[in-house]
PDB file of all heavy atoms in Angstrom:
ATOM      1  N   LEU A   1     -15.735  -8.599  11.498  1.00  0.00           N
ATOM      2  CA  LEU A   1     -17.063  -8.062  11.750  1.00  0.00           C
ATOM      3  C   LEU A   1     -17.371  -8.317  13.224  1.00  0.00           C
ATOM      4  O   LEU A   1     -17.701  -9.422  13.629  1.00  0.00           O
ATOM      5  CB  LEU A   1     -18.083  -8.768  10.852  1.00  0.00           C
ATOM      6  CG  LEU A   1     -19.453  -8.096  10.692  1.00  0.00           C
ATOM      7  CD1 LEU A   1     -19.323  -6.722  10.042  1.00  0.00           C
ATOM      8  CD2 LEU A   1     -20.364  -8.981   9.850  1.00  0.00           C
ATOM      9  N   GLY A   2     -17.206  -7.286  14.031  1.00  0.00           N
ATOM     10  CA  GLY A   2     -17.392  -7.455  15.464  1.00  0.00           C
ATOM     11  C   GLY A   2     -16.167  -8.112  16.101  1.00  0.00           C
ATOM     12  O   GLY A   2     -15.095  -8.228  15.504  1.00  0.00           O
ATOM     13  N   GLU A   3     -16.336  -8.572  17.331  1.00  0.00           N
ATOM     14  CA  GLU A   3     -15.245  -9.166  18.100  1.00  0.00           C
ATOM     15  C   GLU A   3     -15.249 -10.688  17.974  1.00  0.00           C
ATOM     16  O   GLU A   3     -16.263 -11.292  17.614  1.00  0.00           O
ATOM     17  CB  GLU A   3     -15.378  -8.772  19.574  1.00  0.00           C
ATOM     18  CG  GLU A   3     -15.331  -7.267  19.809  1.00  0.00           C
ATOM     19  CD  GLU A   3     -15.517  -6.915  21.270  1.00  0.00           C
ATOM     20  OE1 GLU A   3     -16.039  -7.792  22.028  1.00  0.00           O
ATOM     21  OE2 GLU A   3     -15.160  -5.804  21.666  1.00  0.00           O
ATOM     22  N   ALA A   4     -14.092 -11.270  18.281  1.00  0.00           N
ATOM     23  CA  ALA A   4     -14.039 -12.734  18.397  1.00  0.00           C
ATOM     24  C   ALA A   4     -14.815 -13.160  19.641  1.00  0.00           C
ATOM     25  O   ALA A   4     -14.909 -12.413  20.616  1.00  0.00           O
ATOM     26  CB  ALA A   4     -12.592 -13.186  18.507  1.00  0.00           C
ATOM     27  N   TRP A   5     -15.418 -14.342  19.589  1.00  0.00           N
ATOM     28  CA  TRP A   5     -16.031 -14.881  20.804  1.00  0.00           C
ATOM     29  C   TRP A   5     -15.666 -16.351  20.954  1.00  0.00           C
ATOM     30  O   TRP A   5     -15.351 -17.013  19.964  1.00  0.00           O
ATOM     31  CB  TRP A   5     -17.535 -14.648  20.839  1.00  0.00           C
ATOM     32  CG  TRP A   5     -18.391 -15.559  20.001  1.00  0.00           C
ATOM     33  CD1 TRP A   5     -19.026 -16.677  20.395  1.00  0.00           C
ATOM     34  CD2 TRP A   5     -18.716 -15.400  18.620  1.00  0.00           C
ATOM     35  NE1 TRP A   5     -19.729 -17.249  19.373  1.00  0.00           N
ATOM     36  CE2 TRP A   5     -19.561 -16.475  18.259  1.00  0.00           C
ATOM     37  CE3 TRP A   5     -18.381 -14.449  17.636  1.00  0.00           C
ATOM     38  CZ2 TRP A   5     -20.065 -16.633  16.964  1.00  0.00           C
ATOM     39  CZ3 TRP A   5     -18.891 -14.598  16.360  1.00  0.00           C
ATOM     40  CH2 TRP A   5     -19.715 -15.682  16.029  1.00  0.00           C
ATOM     41  N   VAL A   6     -15.669 -16.806  22.204  1.00  0.00           N
ATOM     42  CA  VAL A   6     -15.208 -18.162  22.486  1.00  0.00           C
ATOM     43  C   VAL A   6     -16.261 -18.926  23.282  1.00  0.00           C
ATOM     44  O   VAL A   6     -17.096 -18.325  23.969  1.00  0.00           O
ATOM     45  CB  VAL A   6     -13.868 -18.169  23.269  1.00  0.00           C
ATOM     46  CG1 VAL A   6     -12.769 -17.477  22.490  1.00  0.00           C
ATOM     47  CG2 VAL A   6     -14.030 -17.581  24.658  1.00  0.00           C
ATOM     48  N   GLU A   7     -16.198 -20.257  23.146  1.00  0.00           N
ATOM     49  CA  GLU A   7     -16.992 -21.165  23.980  1.00  0.00           C
ATOM     50  C   GLU A   7     -16.014 -22.105  24.673  1.00  0.00           C
ATOM     51  O   GLU A   7     -15.094 -22.638  24.032  1.00  0.00           O
ATOM     52  CB  GLU A   7     -17.979 -21.959  23.127  1.00  0.00           C
ATOM     53  CG  GLU A   7     -18.982 -21.095  22.388  1.00  0.00           C
ATOM     54  CD  GLU A   7     -19.823 -21.893  21.410  1.00  0.00           C
ATOM     55  OE1 GLU A   7     -20.331 -22.974  21.824  1.00  0.00           O
ATOM     56  OE2 GLU A   7     -19.942 -21.474  20.245  1.00  0.00           O
ATOM     57  N   LEU A   8     -16.190 -22.291  25.974  1.00  0.00           N
ATOM     58  CA  LEU A   8     -15.280 -23.114  26.776  1.00  0.00           C
ATOM     59  C   LEU A   8     -15.953 -24.409  27.179  1.00  0.00           C
ATOM     60  O   LEU A   8     -17.133 -24.425  27.526  1.00  0.00           O
ATOM     61  CB  LEU A   8     -14.854 -22.359  28.040  1.00  0.00           C
ATOM     62  CG  LEU A   8     -14.302 -20.936  27.876  1.00  0.00           C
ATOM     63  CD1 LEU A   8     -13.955 -20.356  29.243  1.00  0.00           C
ATOM     64  CD2 LEU A   8     -13.077 -20.931  26.970  1.00  0.00           C
ATOM     65  N   MET A   9     -15.174 -25.505  27.151  1.00  0.00           N
ATOM     66  CA  MET A   9     -15.667 -26.799  27.630  1.00  0.00           C
ATOM     67  C   MET A   9     -14.580 -27.451  28.488  1.00  0.00           C
ATOM     68  O   MET A   9     -13.429 -27.553  28.054  1.00  0.00           O
ATOM     69  CB  MET A   9     -16.013 -27.718  26.459  1.00  0.00           C
ATOM     70  CG  MET A   9     -17.126 -27.200  25.568  1.00  0.00           C
ATOM     71  SD  MET A   9     -17.486 -28.320  24.199  1.00  0.00           S
ATOM     72  CE  MET A   9     -18.196 -29.705  25.082  1.00  0.00           C
ATOM     73  N   GLY A  10     -14.953 -27.816  29.712  1.00  0.00           N
ATOM     74  CA  GLY A  10     -14.007 -28.517  30.574  1.00  0.00           C
ATOM     75  C   GLY A  10     -12.889 -27.643  31.093  1.00  0.00           C
ATOM     76  O   GLY A  10     -11.796 -28.147  31.387  1.00  0.00           O
ATOM     77  N   LEU A  11     -13.163 -26.330  31.234  1.00  0.00           N
ATOM     78  CA  LEU A  11     -12.140 -25.388  31.711  1.00  0.00           C
ATOM     79  C   LEU A  11     -12.716 -24.529  32.838  1.00  0.00           C
ATOM     80  O   LEU A  11     -13.929 -24.274  32.873  1.00  0.00           O
ATOM     81  CB  LEU A  11     -11.671 -24.483  30.567  1.00  0.00           C
ATOM     82  CG  LEU A  11     -10.871 -25.164  29.462  1.00  0.00           C
ATOM     83  CD1 LEU A  11     -10.735 -24.256  28.255  1.00  0.00           C
ATOM     84  CD2 LEU A  11      -9.495 -25.588  29.964  1.00  0.00           C
ATOM     85  N   PRO A  12     -11.851 -24.040  33.747  1.00  0.00           N
ATOM     86  CA  PRO A  12     -12.332 -23.154  34.813  1.00  0.00           C
ATOM     87  C   PRO A  12     -12.931 -21.878  34.213  1.00  0.00           C
ATOM     88  O   PRO A  12     -12.481 -21.392  33.171  1.00  0.00           O
ATOM     89  CB  PRO A  12     -11.068 -22.843  35.623  1.00  0.00           C
ATOM     90  CG  PRO A  12     -10.083 -23.888  35.242  1.00  0.00           C
ATOM     91  CD  PRO A  12     -10.407 -24.307  33.856  1.00  0.00           C
ATOM     92  N   GLU A  13     -13.922 -21.317  34.875  1.00  0.00           N
ATOM     93  CA  GLU A  13     -14.541 -20.090  34.375  1.00  0.00           C
ATOM     94  C   GLU A  13     -13.682 -18.867  34.630  1.00  0.00           C
ATOM     95  O   GLU A  13     -13.758 -17.881  33.876  1.00  0.00           O
ATOM     96  CB  GLU A  13     -15.916 -19.900  35.033  1.00  0.00           C
ATOM     97  CG  GLU A  13     -16.939 -20.960  34.612  1.00  0.00           C
ATOM     98  CD  GLU A  13     -18.308 -20.693  35.199  1.00  0.00           C
ATOM     99  OE1 GLU A  13     -18.489 -19.636  35.841  1.00  0.00           O
ATOM    100  OE2 GLU A  13     -19.201 -21.543  35.022  1.00  0.00           O
ATOM    101  N   VAL A  14     -12.854 -18.905  35.692  1.00  0.00           N
ATOM    102  CA  VAL A  14     -12.056 -17.740  36.080  1.00  0.00           C
ATOM    103  C   VAL A  14     -10.606 -18.164  36.225  1.00  0.00           C
ATOM    104  O   VAL A  14     -10.307 -19.225  36.787  1.00  0.00           O
ATOM    105  CB  VAL A  14     -12.568 -17.128  37.403  1.00  0.00           C
ATOM    106  CG1 VAL A  14     -11.686 -15.958  37.833  1.00  0.00           C
ATOM    107  CG2 VAL A  14     -14.013 -16.683  37.247  1.00  0.00           C
ATOM    108  N   GLY A  15      -9.681 -17.322  35.708  1.00  0.00           N
ATOM    109  CA  GLY A  15      -8.262 -17.619  35.784  1.00  0.00           C
ATOM    110  C   GLY A  15      -7.548 -16.769  36.818  1.00  0.00           C
ATOM    111  O   GLY A  15      -8.174 -16.178  37.714  1.00  0.00           O
ATOM    112  N   SER A  16      -6.222 -16.648  36.673  1.00  0.00           N
ATOM    113  CA  SER A  16      -5.396 -15.974  37.683  1.00  0.00           C
ATOM    114  C   SER A  16      -5.659 -14.481  37.771  1.00  0.00           C
ATOM    115  O   SER A  16      -5.360 -13.846  38.778  1.00  0.00           O
ATOM    116  CB  SER A  16      -3.915 -16.231  37.391  1.00  0.00           C
ATOM    117  OG  SER A  16      -3.589 -15.744  36.090  1.00  0.00           O
ATOM    118  N   SER A  17      -6.190 -13.870  36.706  1.00  0.00           N
ATOM    119  CA  SER A  17      -6.469 -12.428  36.727  1.00  0.00           C
ATOM    120  C   SER A  17      -7.804 -12.121  37.398  1.00  0.00           C
ATOM    121  O   SER A  17      -8.175 -10.949  37.512  1.00  0.00           O
ATOM    122  CB  SER A  17      -6.483 -11.873  35.304  1.00  0.00           C
ATOM    123  OG  SER A  17      -7.574 -12.424  34.564  1.00  0.00           O
ATOM    124  N   HIS A  18      -8.519 -13.181  37.817  1.00  0.00           N
ATOM    125  CA  HIS A  18      -9.825 -13.060  38.479  1.00  0.00           C
ATOM    126  C   HIS A  18     -10.918 -12.530  37.563  1.00  0.00           C
ATOM    127  O   HIS A  18     -11.999 -12.178  38.031  1.00  0.00           O
ATOM    128  CB  HIS A  18      -9.734 -12.186  39.748  1.00  0.00           C
ATOM    129  CG  HIS A  18      -8.688 -12.663  40.708  1.00  0.00           C
ATOM    130  ND1 HIS A  18      -8.762 -13.873  41.348  1.00  0.00           N
ATOM    131  CD2 HIS A  18      -7.509 -12.089  41.108  1.00  0.00           C
ATOM    132  CE1 HIS A  18      -7.692 -14.035  42.107  1.00  0.00           C
ATOM    133  NE2 HIS A  18      -6.915 -12.960  41.981  1.00  0.00           N
ATOM    134  N   ALA A  19     -10.641 -12.458  36.290  1.00  0.00           N
ATOM    135  CA  ALA A  19     -11.655 -12.090  35.295  1.00  0.00           C
ATOM    136  C   ALA A  19     -12.152 -13.369  34.638  1.00  0.00           C
ATOM    137  O   ALA A  19     -11.441 -14.387  34.626  1.00  0.00           O
ATOM    138  CB  ALA A  19     -11.056 -11.146  34.254  1.00  0.00           C
ATOM    139  N   PRO A  20     -13.360 -13.358  34.079  1.00  0.00           N
ATOM    140  CA  PRO A  20     -13.830 -14.546  33.365  1.00  0.00           C
ATOM    141  C   PRO A  20     -12.847 -14.949  32.272  1.00  0.00           C
ATOM    142  O   PRO A  20     -12.386 -14.091  31.495  1.00  0.00           O
ATOM    143  CB  PRO A  20     -15.178 -14.102  32.779  1.00  0.00           C
ATOM    144  CG  PRO A  20     -15.648 -13.014  33.698  1.00  0.00           C
ATOM    145  CD  PRO A  20     -14.393 -12.291  34.123  1.00  0.00           C
ATOM    146  N   LEU A  21     -12.524 -16.233  32.230  1.00  0.00           N
ATOM    147  CA  LEU A  21     -11.549 -16.716  31.249  1.00  0.00           C
ATOM    148  C   LEU A  21     -11.994 -16.401  29.827  1.00  0.00           C
ATOM    149  O   LEU A  21     -11.180 -16.017  28.975  1.00  0.00           O
ATOM    150  CB  LEU A  21     -11.346 -18.222  31.427  1.00  0.00           C
ATOM    151  CG  LEU A  21     -10.384 -18.908  30.444  1.00  0.00           C
ATOM    152  CD1 LEU A  21      -8.987 -18.312  30.545  1.00  0.00           C
ATOM    153  CD2 LEU A  21     -10.345 -20.410  30.698  1.00  0.00           C
ATOM    154  N   SER A  22     -13.287 -16.537  29.567  1.00  0.00           N
ATOM    155  CA  SER A  22     -13.775 -16.260  28.211  1.00  0.00           C
ATOM    156  C   SER A  22     -13.528 -14.804  27.829  1.00  0.00           C
ATOM    157  O   SER A  22     -13.153 -14.504  26.682  1.00  0.00           O
ATOM    158  CB  SER A  22     -15.258 -16.605  28.104  1.00  0.00           C
ATOM    159  OG  SER A  22     -16.011 -15.875  29.060  1.00  0.00           O
ATOM    160  N   ASP A  23     -13.703 -13.875  28.790  1.00  0.00           N
ATOM    161  CA  ASP A  23     -13.464 -12.456  28.491  1.00  0.00           C
ATOM    162  C   ASP A  23     -12.003 -12.191  28.159  1.00  0.00           C
ATOM    163  O   ASP A  23     -11.691 -11.434  27.237  1.00  0.00           O
ATOM    164  CB  ASP A  23     -13.884 -11.589  29.684  1.00  0.00           C
ATOM    165  CG  ASP A  23     -15.394 -11.558  29.886  1.00  0.00           C
ATOM    166  OD1 ASP A  23     -16.104 -12.151  29.042  1.00  0.00           O
ATOM    167  OD2 ASP A  23     -15.845 -10.955  30.883  1.00  0.00           O
ATOM    168  N   VAL A  24     -11.109 -12.817  28.931  1.00  0.00           N
ATOM    169  CA  VAL A  24      -9.675 -12.615  28.693  1.00  0.00           C
ATOM    170  C   VAL A  24      -9.284 -13.117  27.309  1.00  0.00           C
ATOM    171  O   VAL A  24      -8.580 -12.434  26.549  1.00  0.00           O
ATOM    172  CB  VAL A  24      -8.843 -13.332  29.778  1.00  0.00           C
ATOM    173  CG1 VAL A  24      -7.355 -13.229  29.467  1.00  0.00           C
ATOM    174  CG2 VAL A  24      -9.139 -12.748  31.156  1.00  0.00           C
ATOM    175  N   LEU A  25      -9.741 -14.308  26.966  1.00  0.00           N
ATOM    176  CA  LEU A  25      -9.393 -14.869  25.658  1.00  0.00           C
ATOM    177  C   LEU A  25      -9.975 -14.021  24.535  1.00  0.00           C
ATOM    178  O   LEU A  25      -9.305 -13.731  23.532  1.00  0.00           O
ATOM    179  CB  LEU A  25      -9.900 -16.307  25.549  1.00  0.00           C
ATOM    180  CG  LEU A  25      -9.329 -17.342  26.517  1.00  0.00           C
ATOM    181  CD1 LEU A  25      -9.869 -18.738  26.191  1.00  0.00           C
ATOM    182  CD2 LEU A  25      -7.805 -17.365  26.475  1.00  0.00           C
ATOM    183  N   GLU A  26     -11.227 -13.606  24.688  1.00  0.00           N
ATOM    184  CA  GLU A  26     -11.869 -12.812  23.636  1.00  0.00           C
ATOM    185  C   GLU A  26     -11.163 -11.476  23.430  1.00  0.00           C
ATOM    186  O   GLU A  26     -10.992 -11.025  22.286  1.00  0.00           O
ATOM    187  CB  GLU A  26     -13.345 -12.600  23.973  1.00  0.00           C
ATOM    188  CG  GLU A  26     -14.181 -13.868  23.807  1.00  0.00           C
ATOM    189  CD  GLU A  26     -15.583 -13.759  24.339  1.00  0.00           C
ATOM    190  OE1 GLU A  26     -15.915 -12.695  24.919  1.00  0.00           O
ATOM    191  OE2 GLU A  26     -16.353 -14.735  24.198  1.00  0.00           O
ATOM    192  N   GLU A  27     -10.720 -10.873  24.523  1.00  0.00           N
ATOM    193  CA  GLU A  27     -10.008  -9.596  24.403  1.00  0.00           C
ATOM    194  C   GLU A  27      -8.683  -9.777  23.660  1.00  0.00           C
ATOM    195  O   GLU A  27      -8.356  -9.002  22.750  1.00  0.00           O
ATOM    196  CB  GLU A  27      -9.758  -9.003  25.788  1.00  0.00           C
ATOM    197  CG  GLU A  27      -9.078  -7.629  25.738  1.00  0.00           C
ATOM    198  CD  GLU A  27      -8.912  -7.014  27.113  1.00  0.00           C
ATOM    199  OE1 GLU A  27      -9.600  -7.461  28.055  1.00  0.00           O
ATOM    200  OE2 GLU A  27      -8.085  -6.099  27.237  1.00  0.00           O
ATOM    201  N   ASP A  28      -7.905 -10.815  24.013  1.00  0.00           N
ATOM    202  CA  ASP A  28      -6.616 -11.051  23.344  1.00  0.00           C
ATOM    203  C   ASP A  28      -6.818 -11.388  21.867  1.00  0.00           C
ATOM    204  O   ASP A  28      -6.043 -10.940  21.001  1.00  0.00           O
ATOM    205  CB  ASP A  28      -5.863 -12.184  24.038  1.00  0.00           C
ATOM    206  CG  ASP A  28      -5.356 -11.794  25.420  1.00  0.00           C
ATOM    207  OD1 ASP A  28      -5.404 -10.586  25.745  1.00  0.00           O
ATOM    208  OD2 ASP A  28      -4.927 -12.695  26.178  1.00  0.00           O
ATOM    209  N   LEU A  29      -7.839 -12.197  21.561  1.00  0.00           N
ATOM    210  CA  LEU A  29      -8.096 -12.584  20.172  1.00  0.00           C
ATOM    211  C   LEU A  29      -8.564 -11.380  19.349  1.00  0.00           C
ATOM    212  O   LEU A  29      -8.148 -11.202  18.191  1.00  0.00           O
ATOM    213  CB  LEU A  29      -9.151 -13.698  20.134  1.00  0.00           C
ATOM    214  CG  LEU A  29      -8.701 -15.048  20.697  1.00  0.00           C
ATOM    215  CD1 LEU A  29      -9.905 -15.935  21.006  1.00  0.00           C
ATOM    216  CD2 LEU A  29      -7.758 -15.765  19.736  1.00  0.00           C
ATOM    217  N   THR A  30      -9.409 -10.553  19.948  1.00  0.00           N
ATOM    218  CA  THR A  30      -9.918  -9.373  19.228  1.00  0.00           C
ATOM    219  C   THR A  30      -8.793  -8.375  18.978  1.00  0.00           C
ATOM    220  O   THR A  30      -8.724  -7.751  17.907  1.00  0.00           O
ATOM    221  CB  THR A  30     -11.064  -8.733  20.019  1.00  0.00           C
ATOM    222  OG1 THR A  30     -12.124  -9.708  20.180  1.00  0.00           O
ATOM    223  CG2 THR A  30     -11.625  -7.512  19.293  1.00  0.00           C
ATOM    224  N   GLN A  31      -7.887  -8.243  19.963  1.00  0.00           N
ATOM    225  CA  GLN A  31      -6.731  -7.356  19.750  1.00  0.00           C
ATOM    226  C   GLN A  31      -5.889  -7.840  18.580  1.00  0.00           C
ATOM    227  O   GLN A  31      -5.417  -7.048  17.757  1.00  0.00           O
ATOM    228  CB  GLN A  31      -5.882  -7.294  21.023  1.00  0.00           C
ATOM    229  CG  GLN A  31      -6.470  -6.430  22.126  1.00  0.00           C
ATOM    230  CD  GLN A  31      -5.545  -6.343  23.330  1.00  0.00           C
ATOM    231  OE1 GLN A  31      -4.382  -6.769  23.274  1.00  0.00           O
ATOM    232  NE2 GLN A  31      -6.054  -5.798  24.429  1.00  0.00           N
ATOM    233  N   PHE A  32      -5.688  -9.148  18.492  1.00  0.00           N
ATOM    234  CA  PHE A  32      -4.924  -9.683  17.359  1.00  0.00           C
ATOM    235  C   PHE A  32      -5.612  -9.365  16.035  1.00  0.00           C
ATOM    236  O   PHE A  32      -4.963  -8.942  15.061  1.00  0.00           O
ATOM    237  CB  PHE A  32      -4.744 -11.195  17.488  1.00  0.00           C
ATOM    238  CG  PHE A  32      -4.311 -11.848  16.218  1.00  0.00           C
ATOM    239  CD1 PHE A  32      -3.007 -11.728  15.765  1.00  0.00           C
ATOM    240  CD2 PHE A  32      -5.231 -12.531  15.419  1.00  0.00           C
ATOM    241  CE1 PHE A  32      -2.616 -12.295  14.557  1.00  0.00           C
ATOM    242  CE2 PHE A  32      -4.854 -13.098  14.223  1.00  0.00           C
ATOM    243  CZ  PHE A  32      -3.534 -12.986  13.777  1.00  0.00           C
ATOM    244  N   LEU A  33      -6.947  -9.546  15.972  1.00  0.00           N
ATOM    245  CA  LEU A  33      -7.671  -9.267  14.737  1.00  0.00           C
ATOM    246  C   LEU A  33      -7.508  -7.809  14.324  1.00  0.00           C
ATOM    247  O   LEU A  33      -7.431  -7.488  13.128  1.00  0.00           O
ATOM    248  CB  LEU A  33      -9.162  -9.586  14.910  1.00  0.00           C
ATOM    249  CG  LEU A  33      -9.526 -11.070  15.046  1.00  0.00           C
ATOM    250  CD1 LEU A  33     -11.012 -11.225  15.373  1.00  0.00           C
ATOM    251  CD2 LEU A  33      -9.201 -11.836  13.762  1.00  0.00           C
ATOM    252  N   GLY A  34      -7.426  -6.899  15.318  1.00  0.00           N
ATOM    253  CA  GLY A  34      -7.279  -5.481  15.010  1.00  0.00           C
ATOM    254  C   GLY A  34      -5.933  -5.121  14.418  1.00  0.00           C
ATOM    255  O   GLY A  34      -5.820  -4.136  13.678  1.00  0.00           O
ATOM    256  N   ARG A  35      -4.889  -5.920  14.741  1.00  0.00           N
ATOM    257  CA  ARG A  35      -3.562  -5.594  14.231  1.00  0.00           C
ATOM    258  C   ARG A  35      -3.078  -6.534  13.121  1.00  0.00           C
ATOM    259  O   ARG A  35      -1.989  -6.334  12.568  1.00  0.00           O
ATOM    260  CB  ARG A  35      -2.551  -5.587  15.370  1.00  0.00           C
ATOM    261  CG  ARG A  35      -2.326  -6.918  16.052  1.00  0.00           C
ATOM    262  CD  ARG A  35      -1.230  -6.845  17.122  1.00  0.00           C
ATOM    263  NE  ARG A  35      -0.942  -8.149  17.692  1.00  0.00           N
ATOM    264  CZ  ARG A  35      -1.531  -8.659  18.766  1.00  0.00           C
ATOM    265  NH1 ARG A  35      -2.475  -7.940  19.402  1.00  0.00           N
ATOM    266  NH2 ARG A  35      -1.218  -9.856  19.213  1.00  0.00           N
ATOM    267  N   ALA A  36      -3.855  -7.532  12.798  1.00  0.00           N
ATOM    268  CA  ALA A  36      -3.430  -8.500  11.782  1.00  0.00           C
ATOM    269  C   ALA A  36      -3.396  -7.850  10.407  1.00  0.00           C
ATOM    270  O   ALA A  36      -4.249  -7.014  10.070  1.00  0.00           O
ATOM    271  CB  ALA A  36      -4.372  -9.693  11.767  1.00  0.00           C
ATOM    272  N   GLY A  37      -2.437  -8.256   9.596  1.00  0.00           N
ATOM    273  CA  GLY A  37      -2.297  -7.715   8.254  1.00  0.00           C
ATOM    274  C   GLY A  37      -3.320  -8.303   7.295  1.00  0.00           C
ATOM    275  O   GLY A  37      -3.962  -9.321   7.564  1.00  0.00           O
ATOM    276  N   ALA A  38      -3.473  -7.668   6.146  1.00  0.00           N
ATOM    277  CA  ALA A  38      -4.463  -8.080   5.153  1.00  0.00           C
ATOM    278  C   ALA A  38      -4.189  -9.490   4.646  1.00  0.00           C
ATOM    279  O   ALA A  38      -5.121 -10.273   4.424  1.00  0.00           O
ATOM    280  CB  ALA A  38      -4.472  -7.085   3.984  1.00  0.00           C
ATOM    281  N   LYS A  39      -2.915  -9.852   4.464  1.00  0.00           N
ATOM    282  CA  LYS A  39      -2.590 -11.201   3.964  1.00  0.00           C
ATOM    283  C   LYS A  39      -3.036 -12.276   4.954  1.00  0.00           C
ATOM    284  O   LYS A  39      -3.560 -13.313   4.570  1.00  0.00           O
ATOM    285  CB  LYS A  39      -1.086 -11.322   3.707  1.00  0.00           C
ATOM    286  CG  LYS A  39      -0.608 -10.630   2.439  1.00  0.00           C
ATOM    287  CD  LYS A  39       0.848 -10.951   2.180  1.00  0.00           C
ATOM    288  CE  LYS A  39       1.318 -10.325   0.870  1.00  0.00           C
ATOM    289  NZ  LYS A  39       2.755 -10.616   0.606  1.00  0.00           N
ATOM    290  N   THR A  40      -2.810 -12.015   6.225  1.00  0.00           N
ATOM    291  CA  THR A  40      -3.218 -12.988   7.245  1.00  0.00           C
ATOM    292  C   THR A  40      -4.732 -13.114   7.289  1.00  0.00           C
ATOM    293  O   THR A  40      -5.286 -14.217   7.342  1.00  0.00           O
ATOM    294  CB  THR A  40      -2.687 -12.567   8.630  1.00  0.00           C
ATOM    295  OG1 THR A  40      -1.256 -12.549   8.595  1.00  0.00           O
ATOM    296  CG2 THR A  40      -3.158 -13.530   9.717  1.00  0.00           C
TER     297      THR A  40
END
């Protein structure tokens, strides 16, 4: 239901891609949810 979201503690806000780290993680996690099988 909707996208995954993350909360960060003790981590840099921006990584090597120069995008917010939270955005990068949320995008990768949401992509996984879109392709995950019903059993998972």
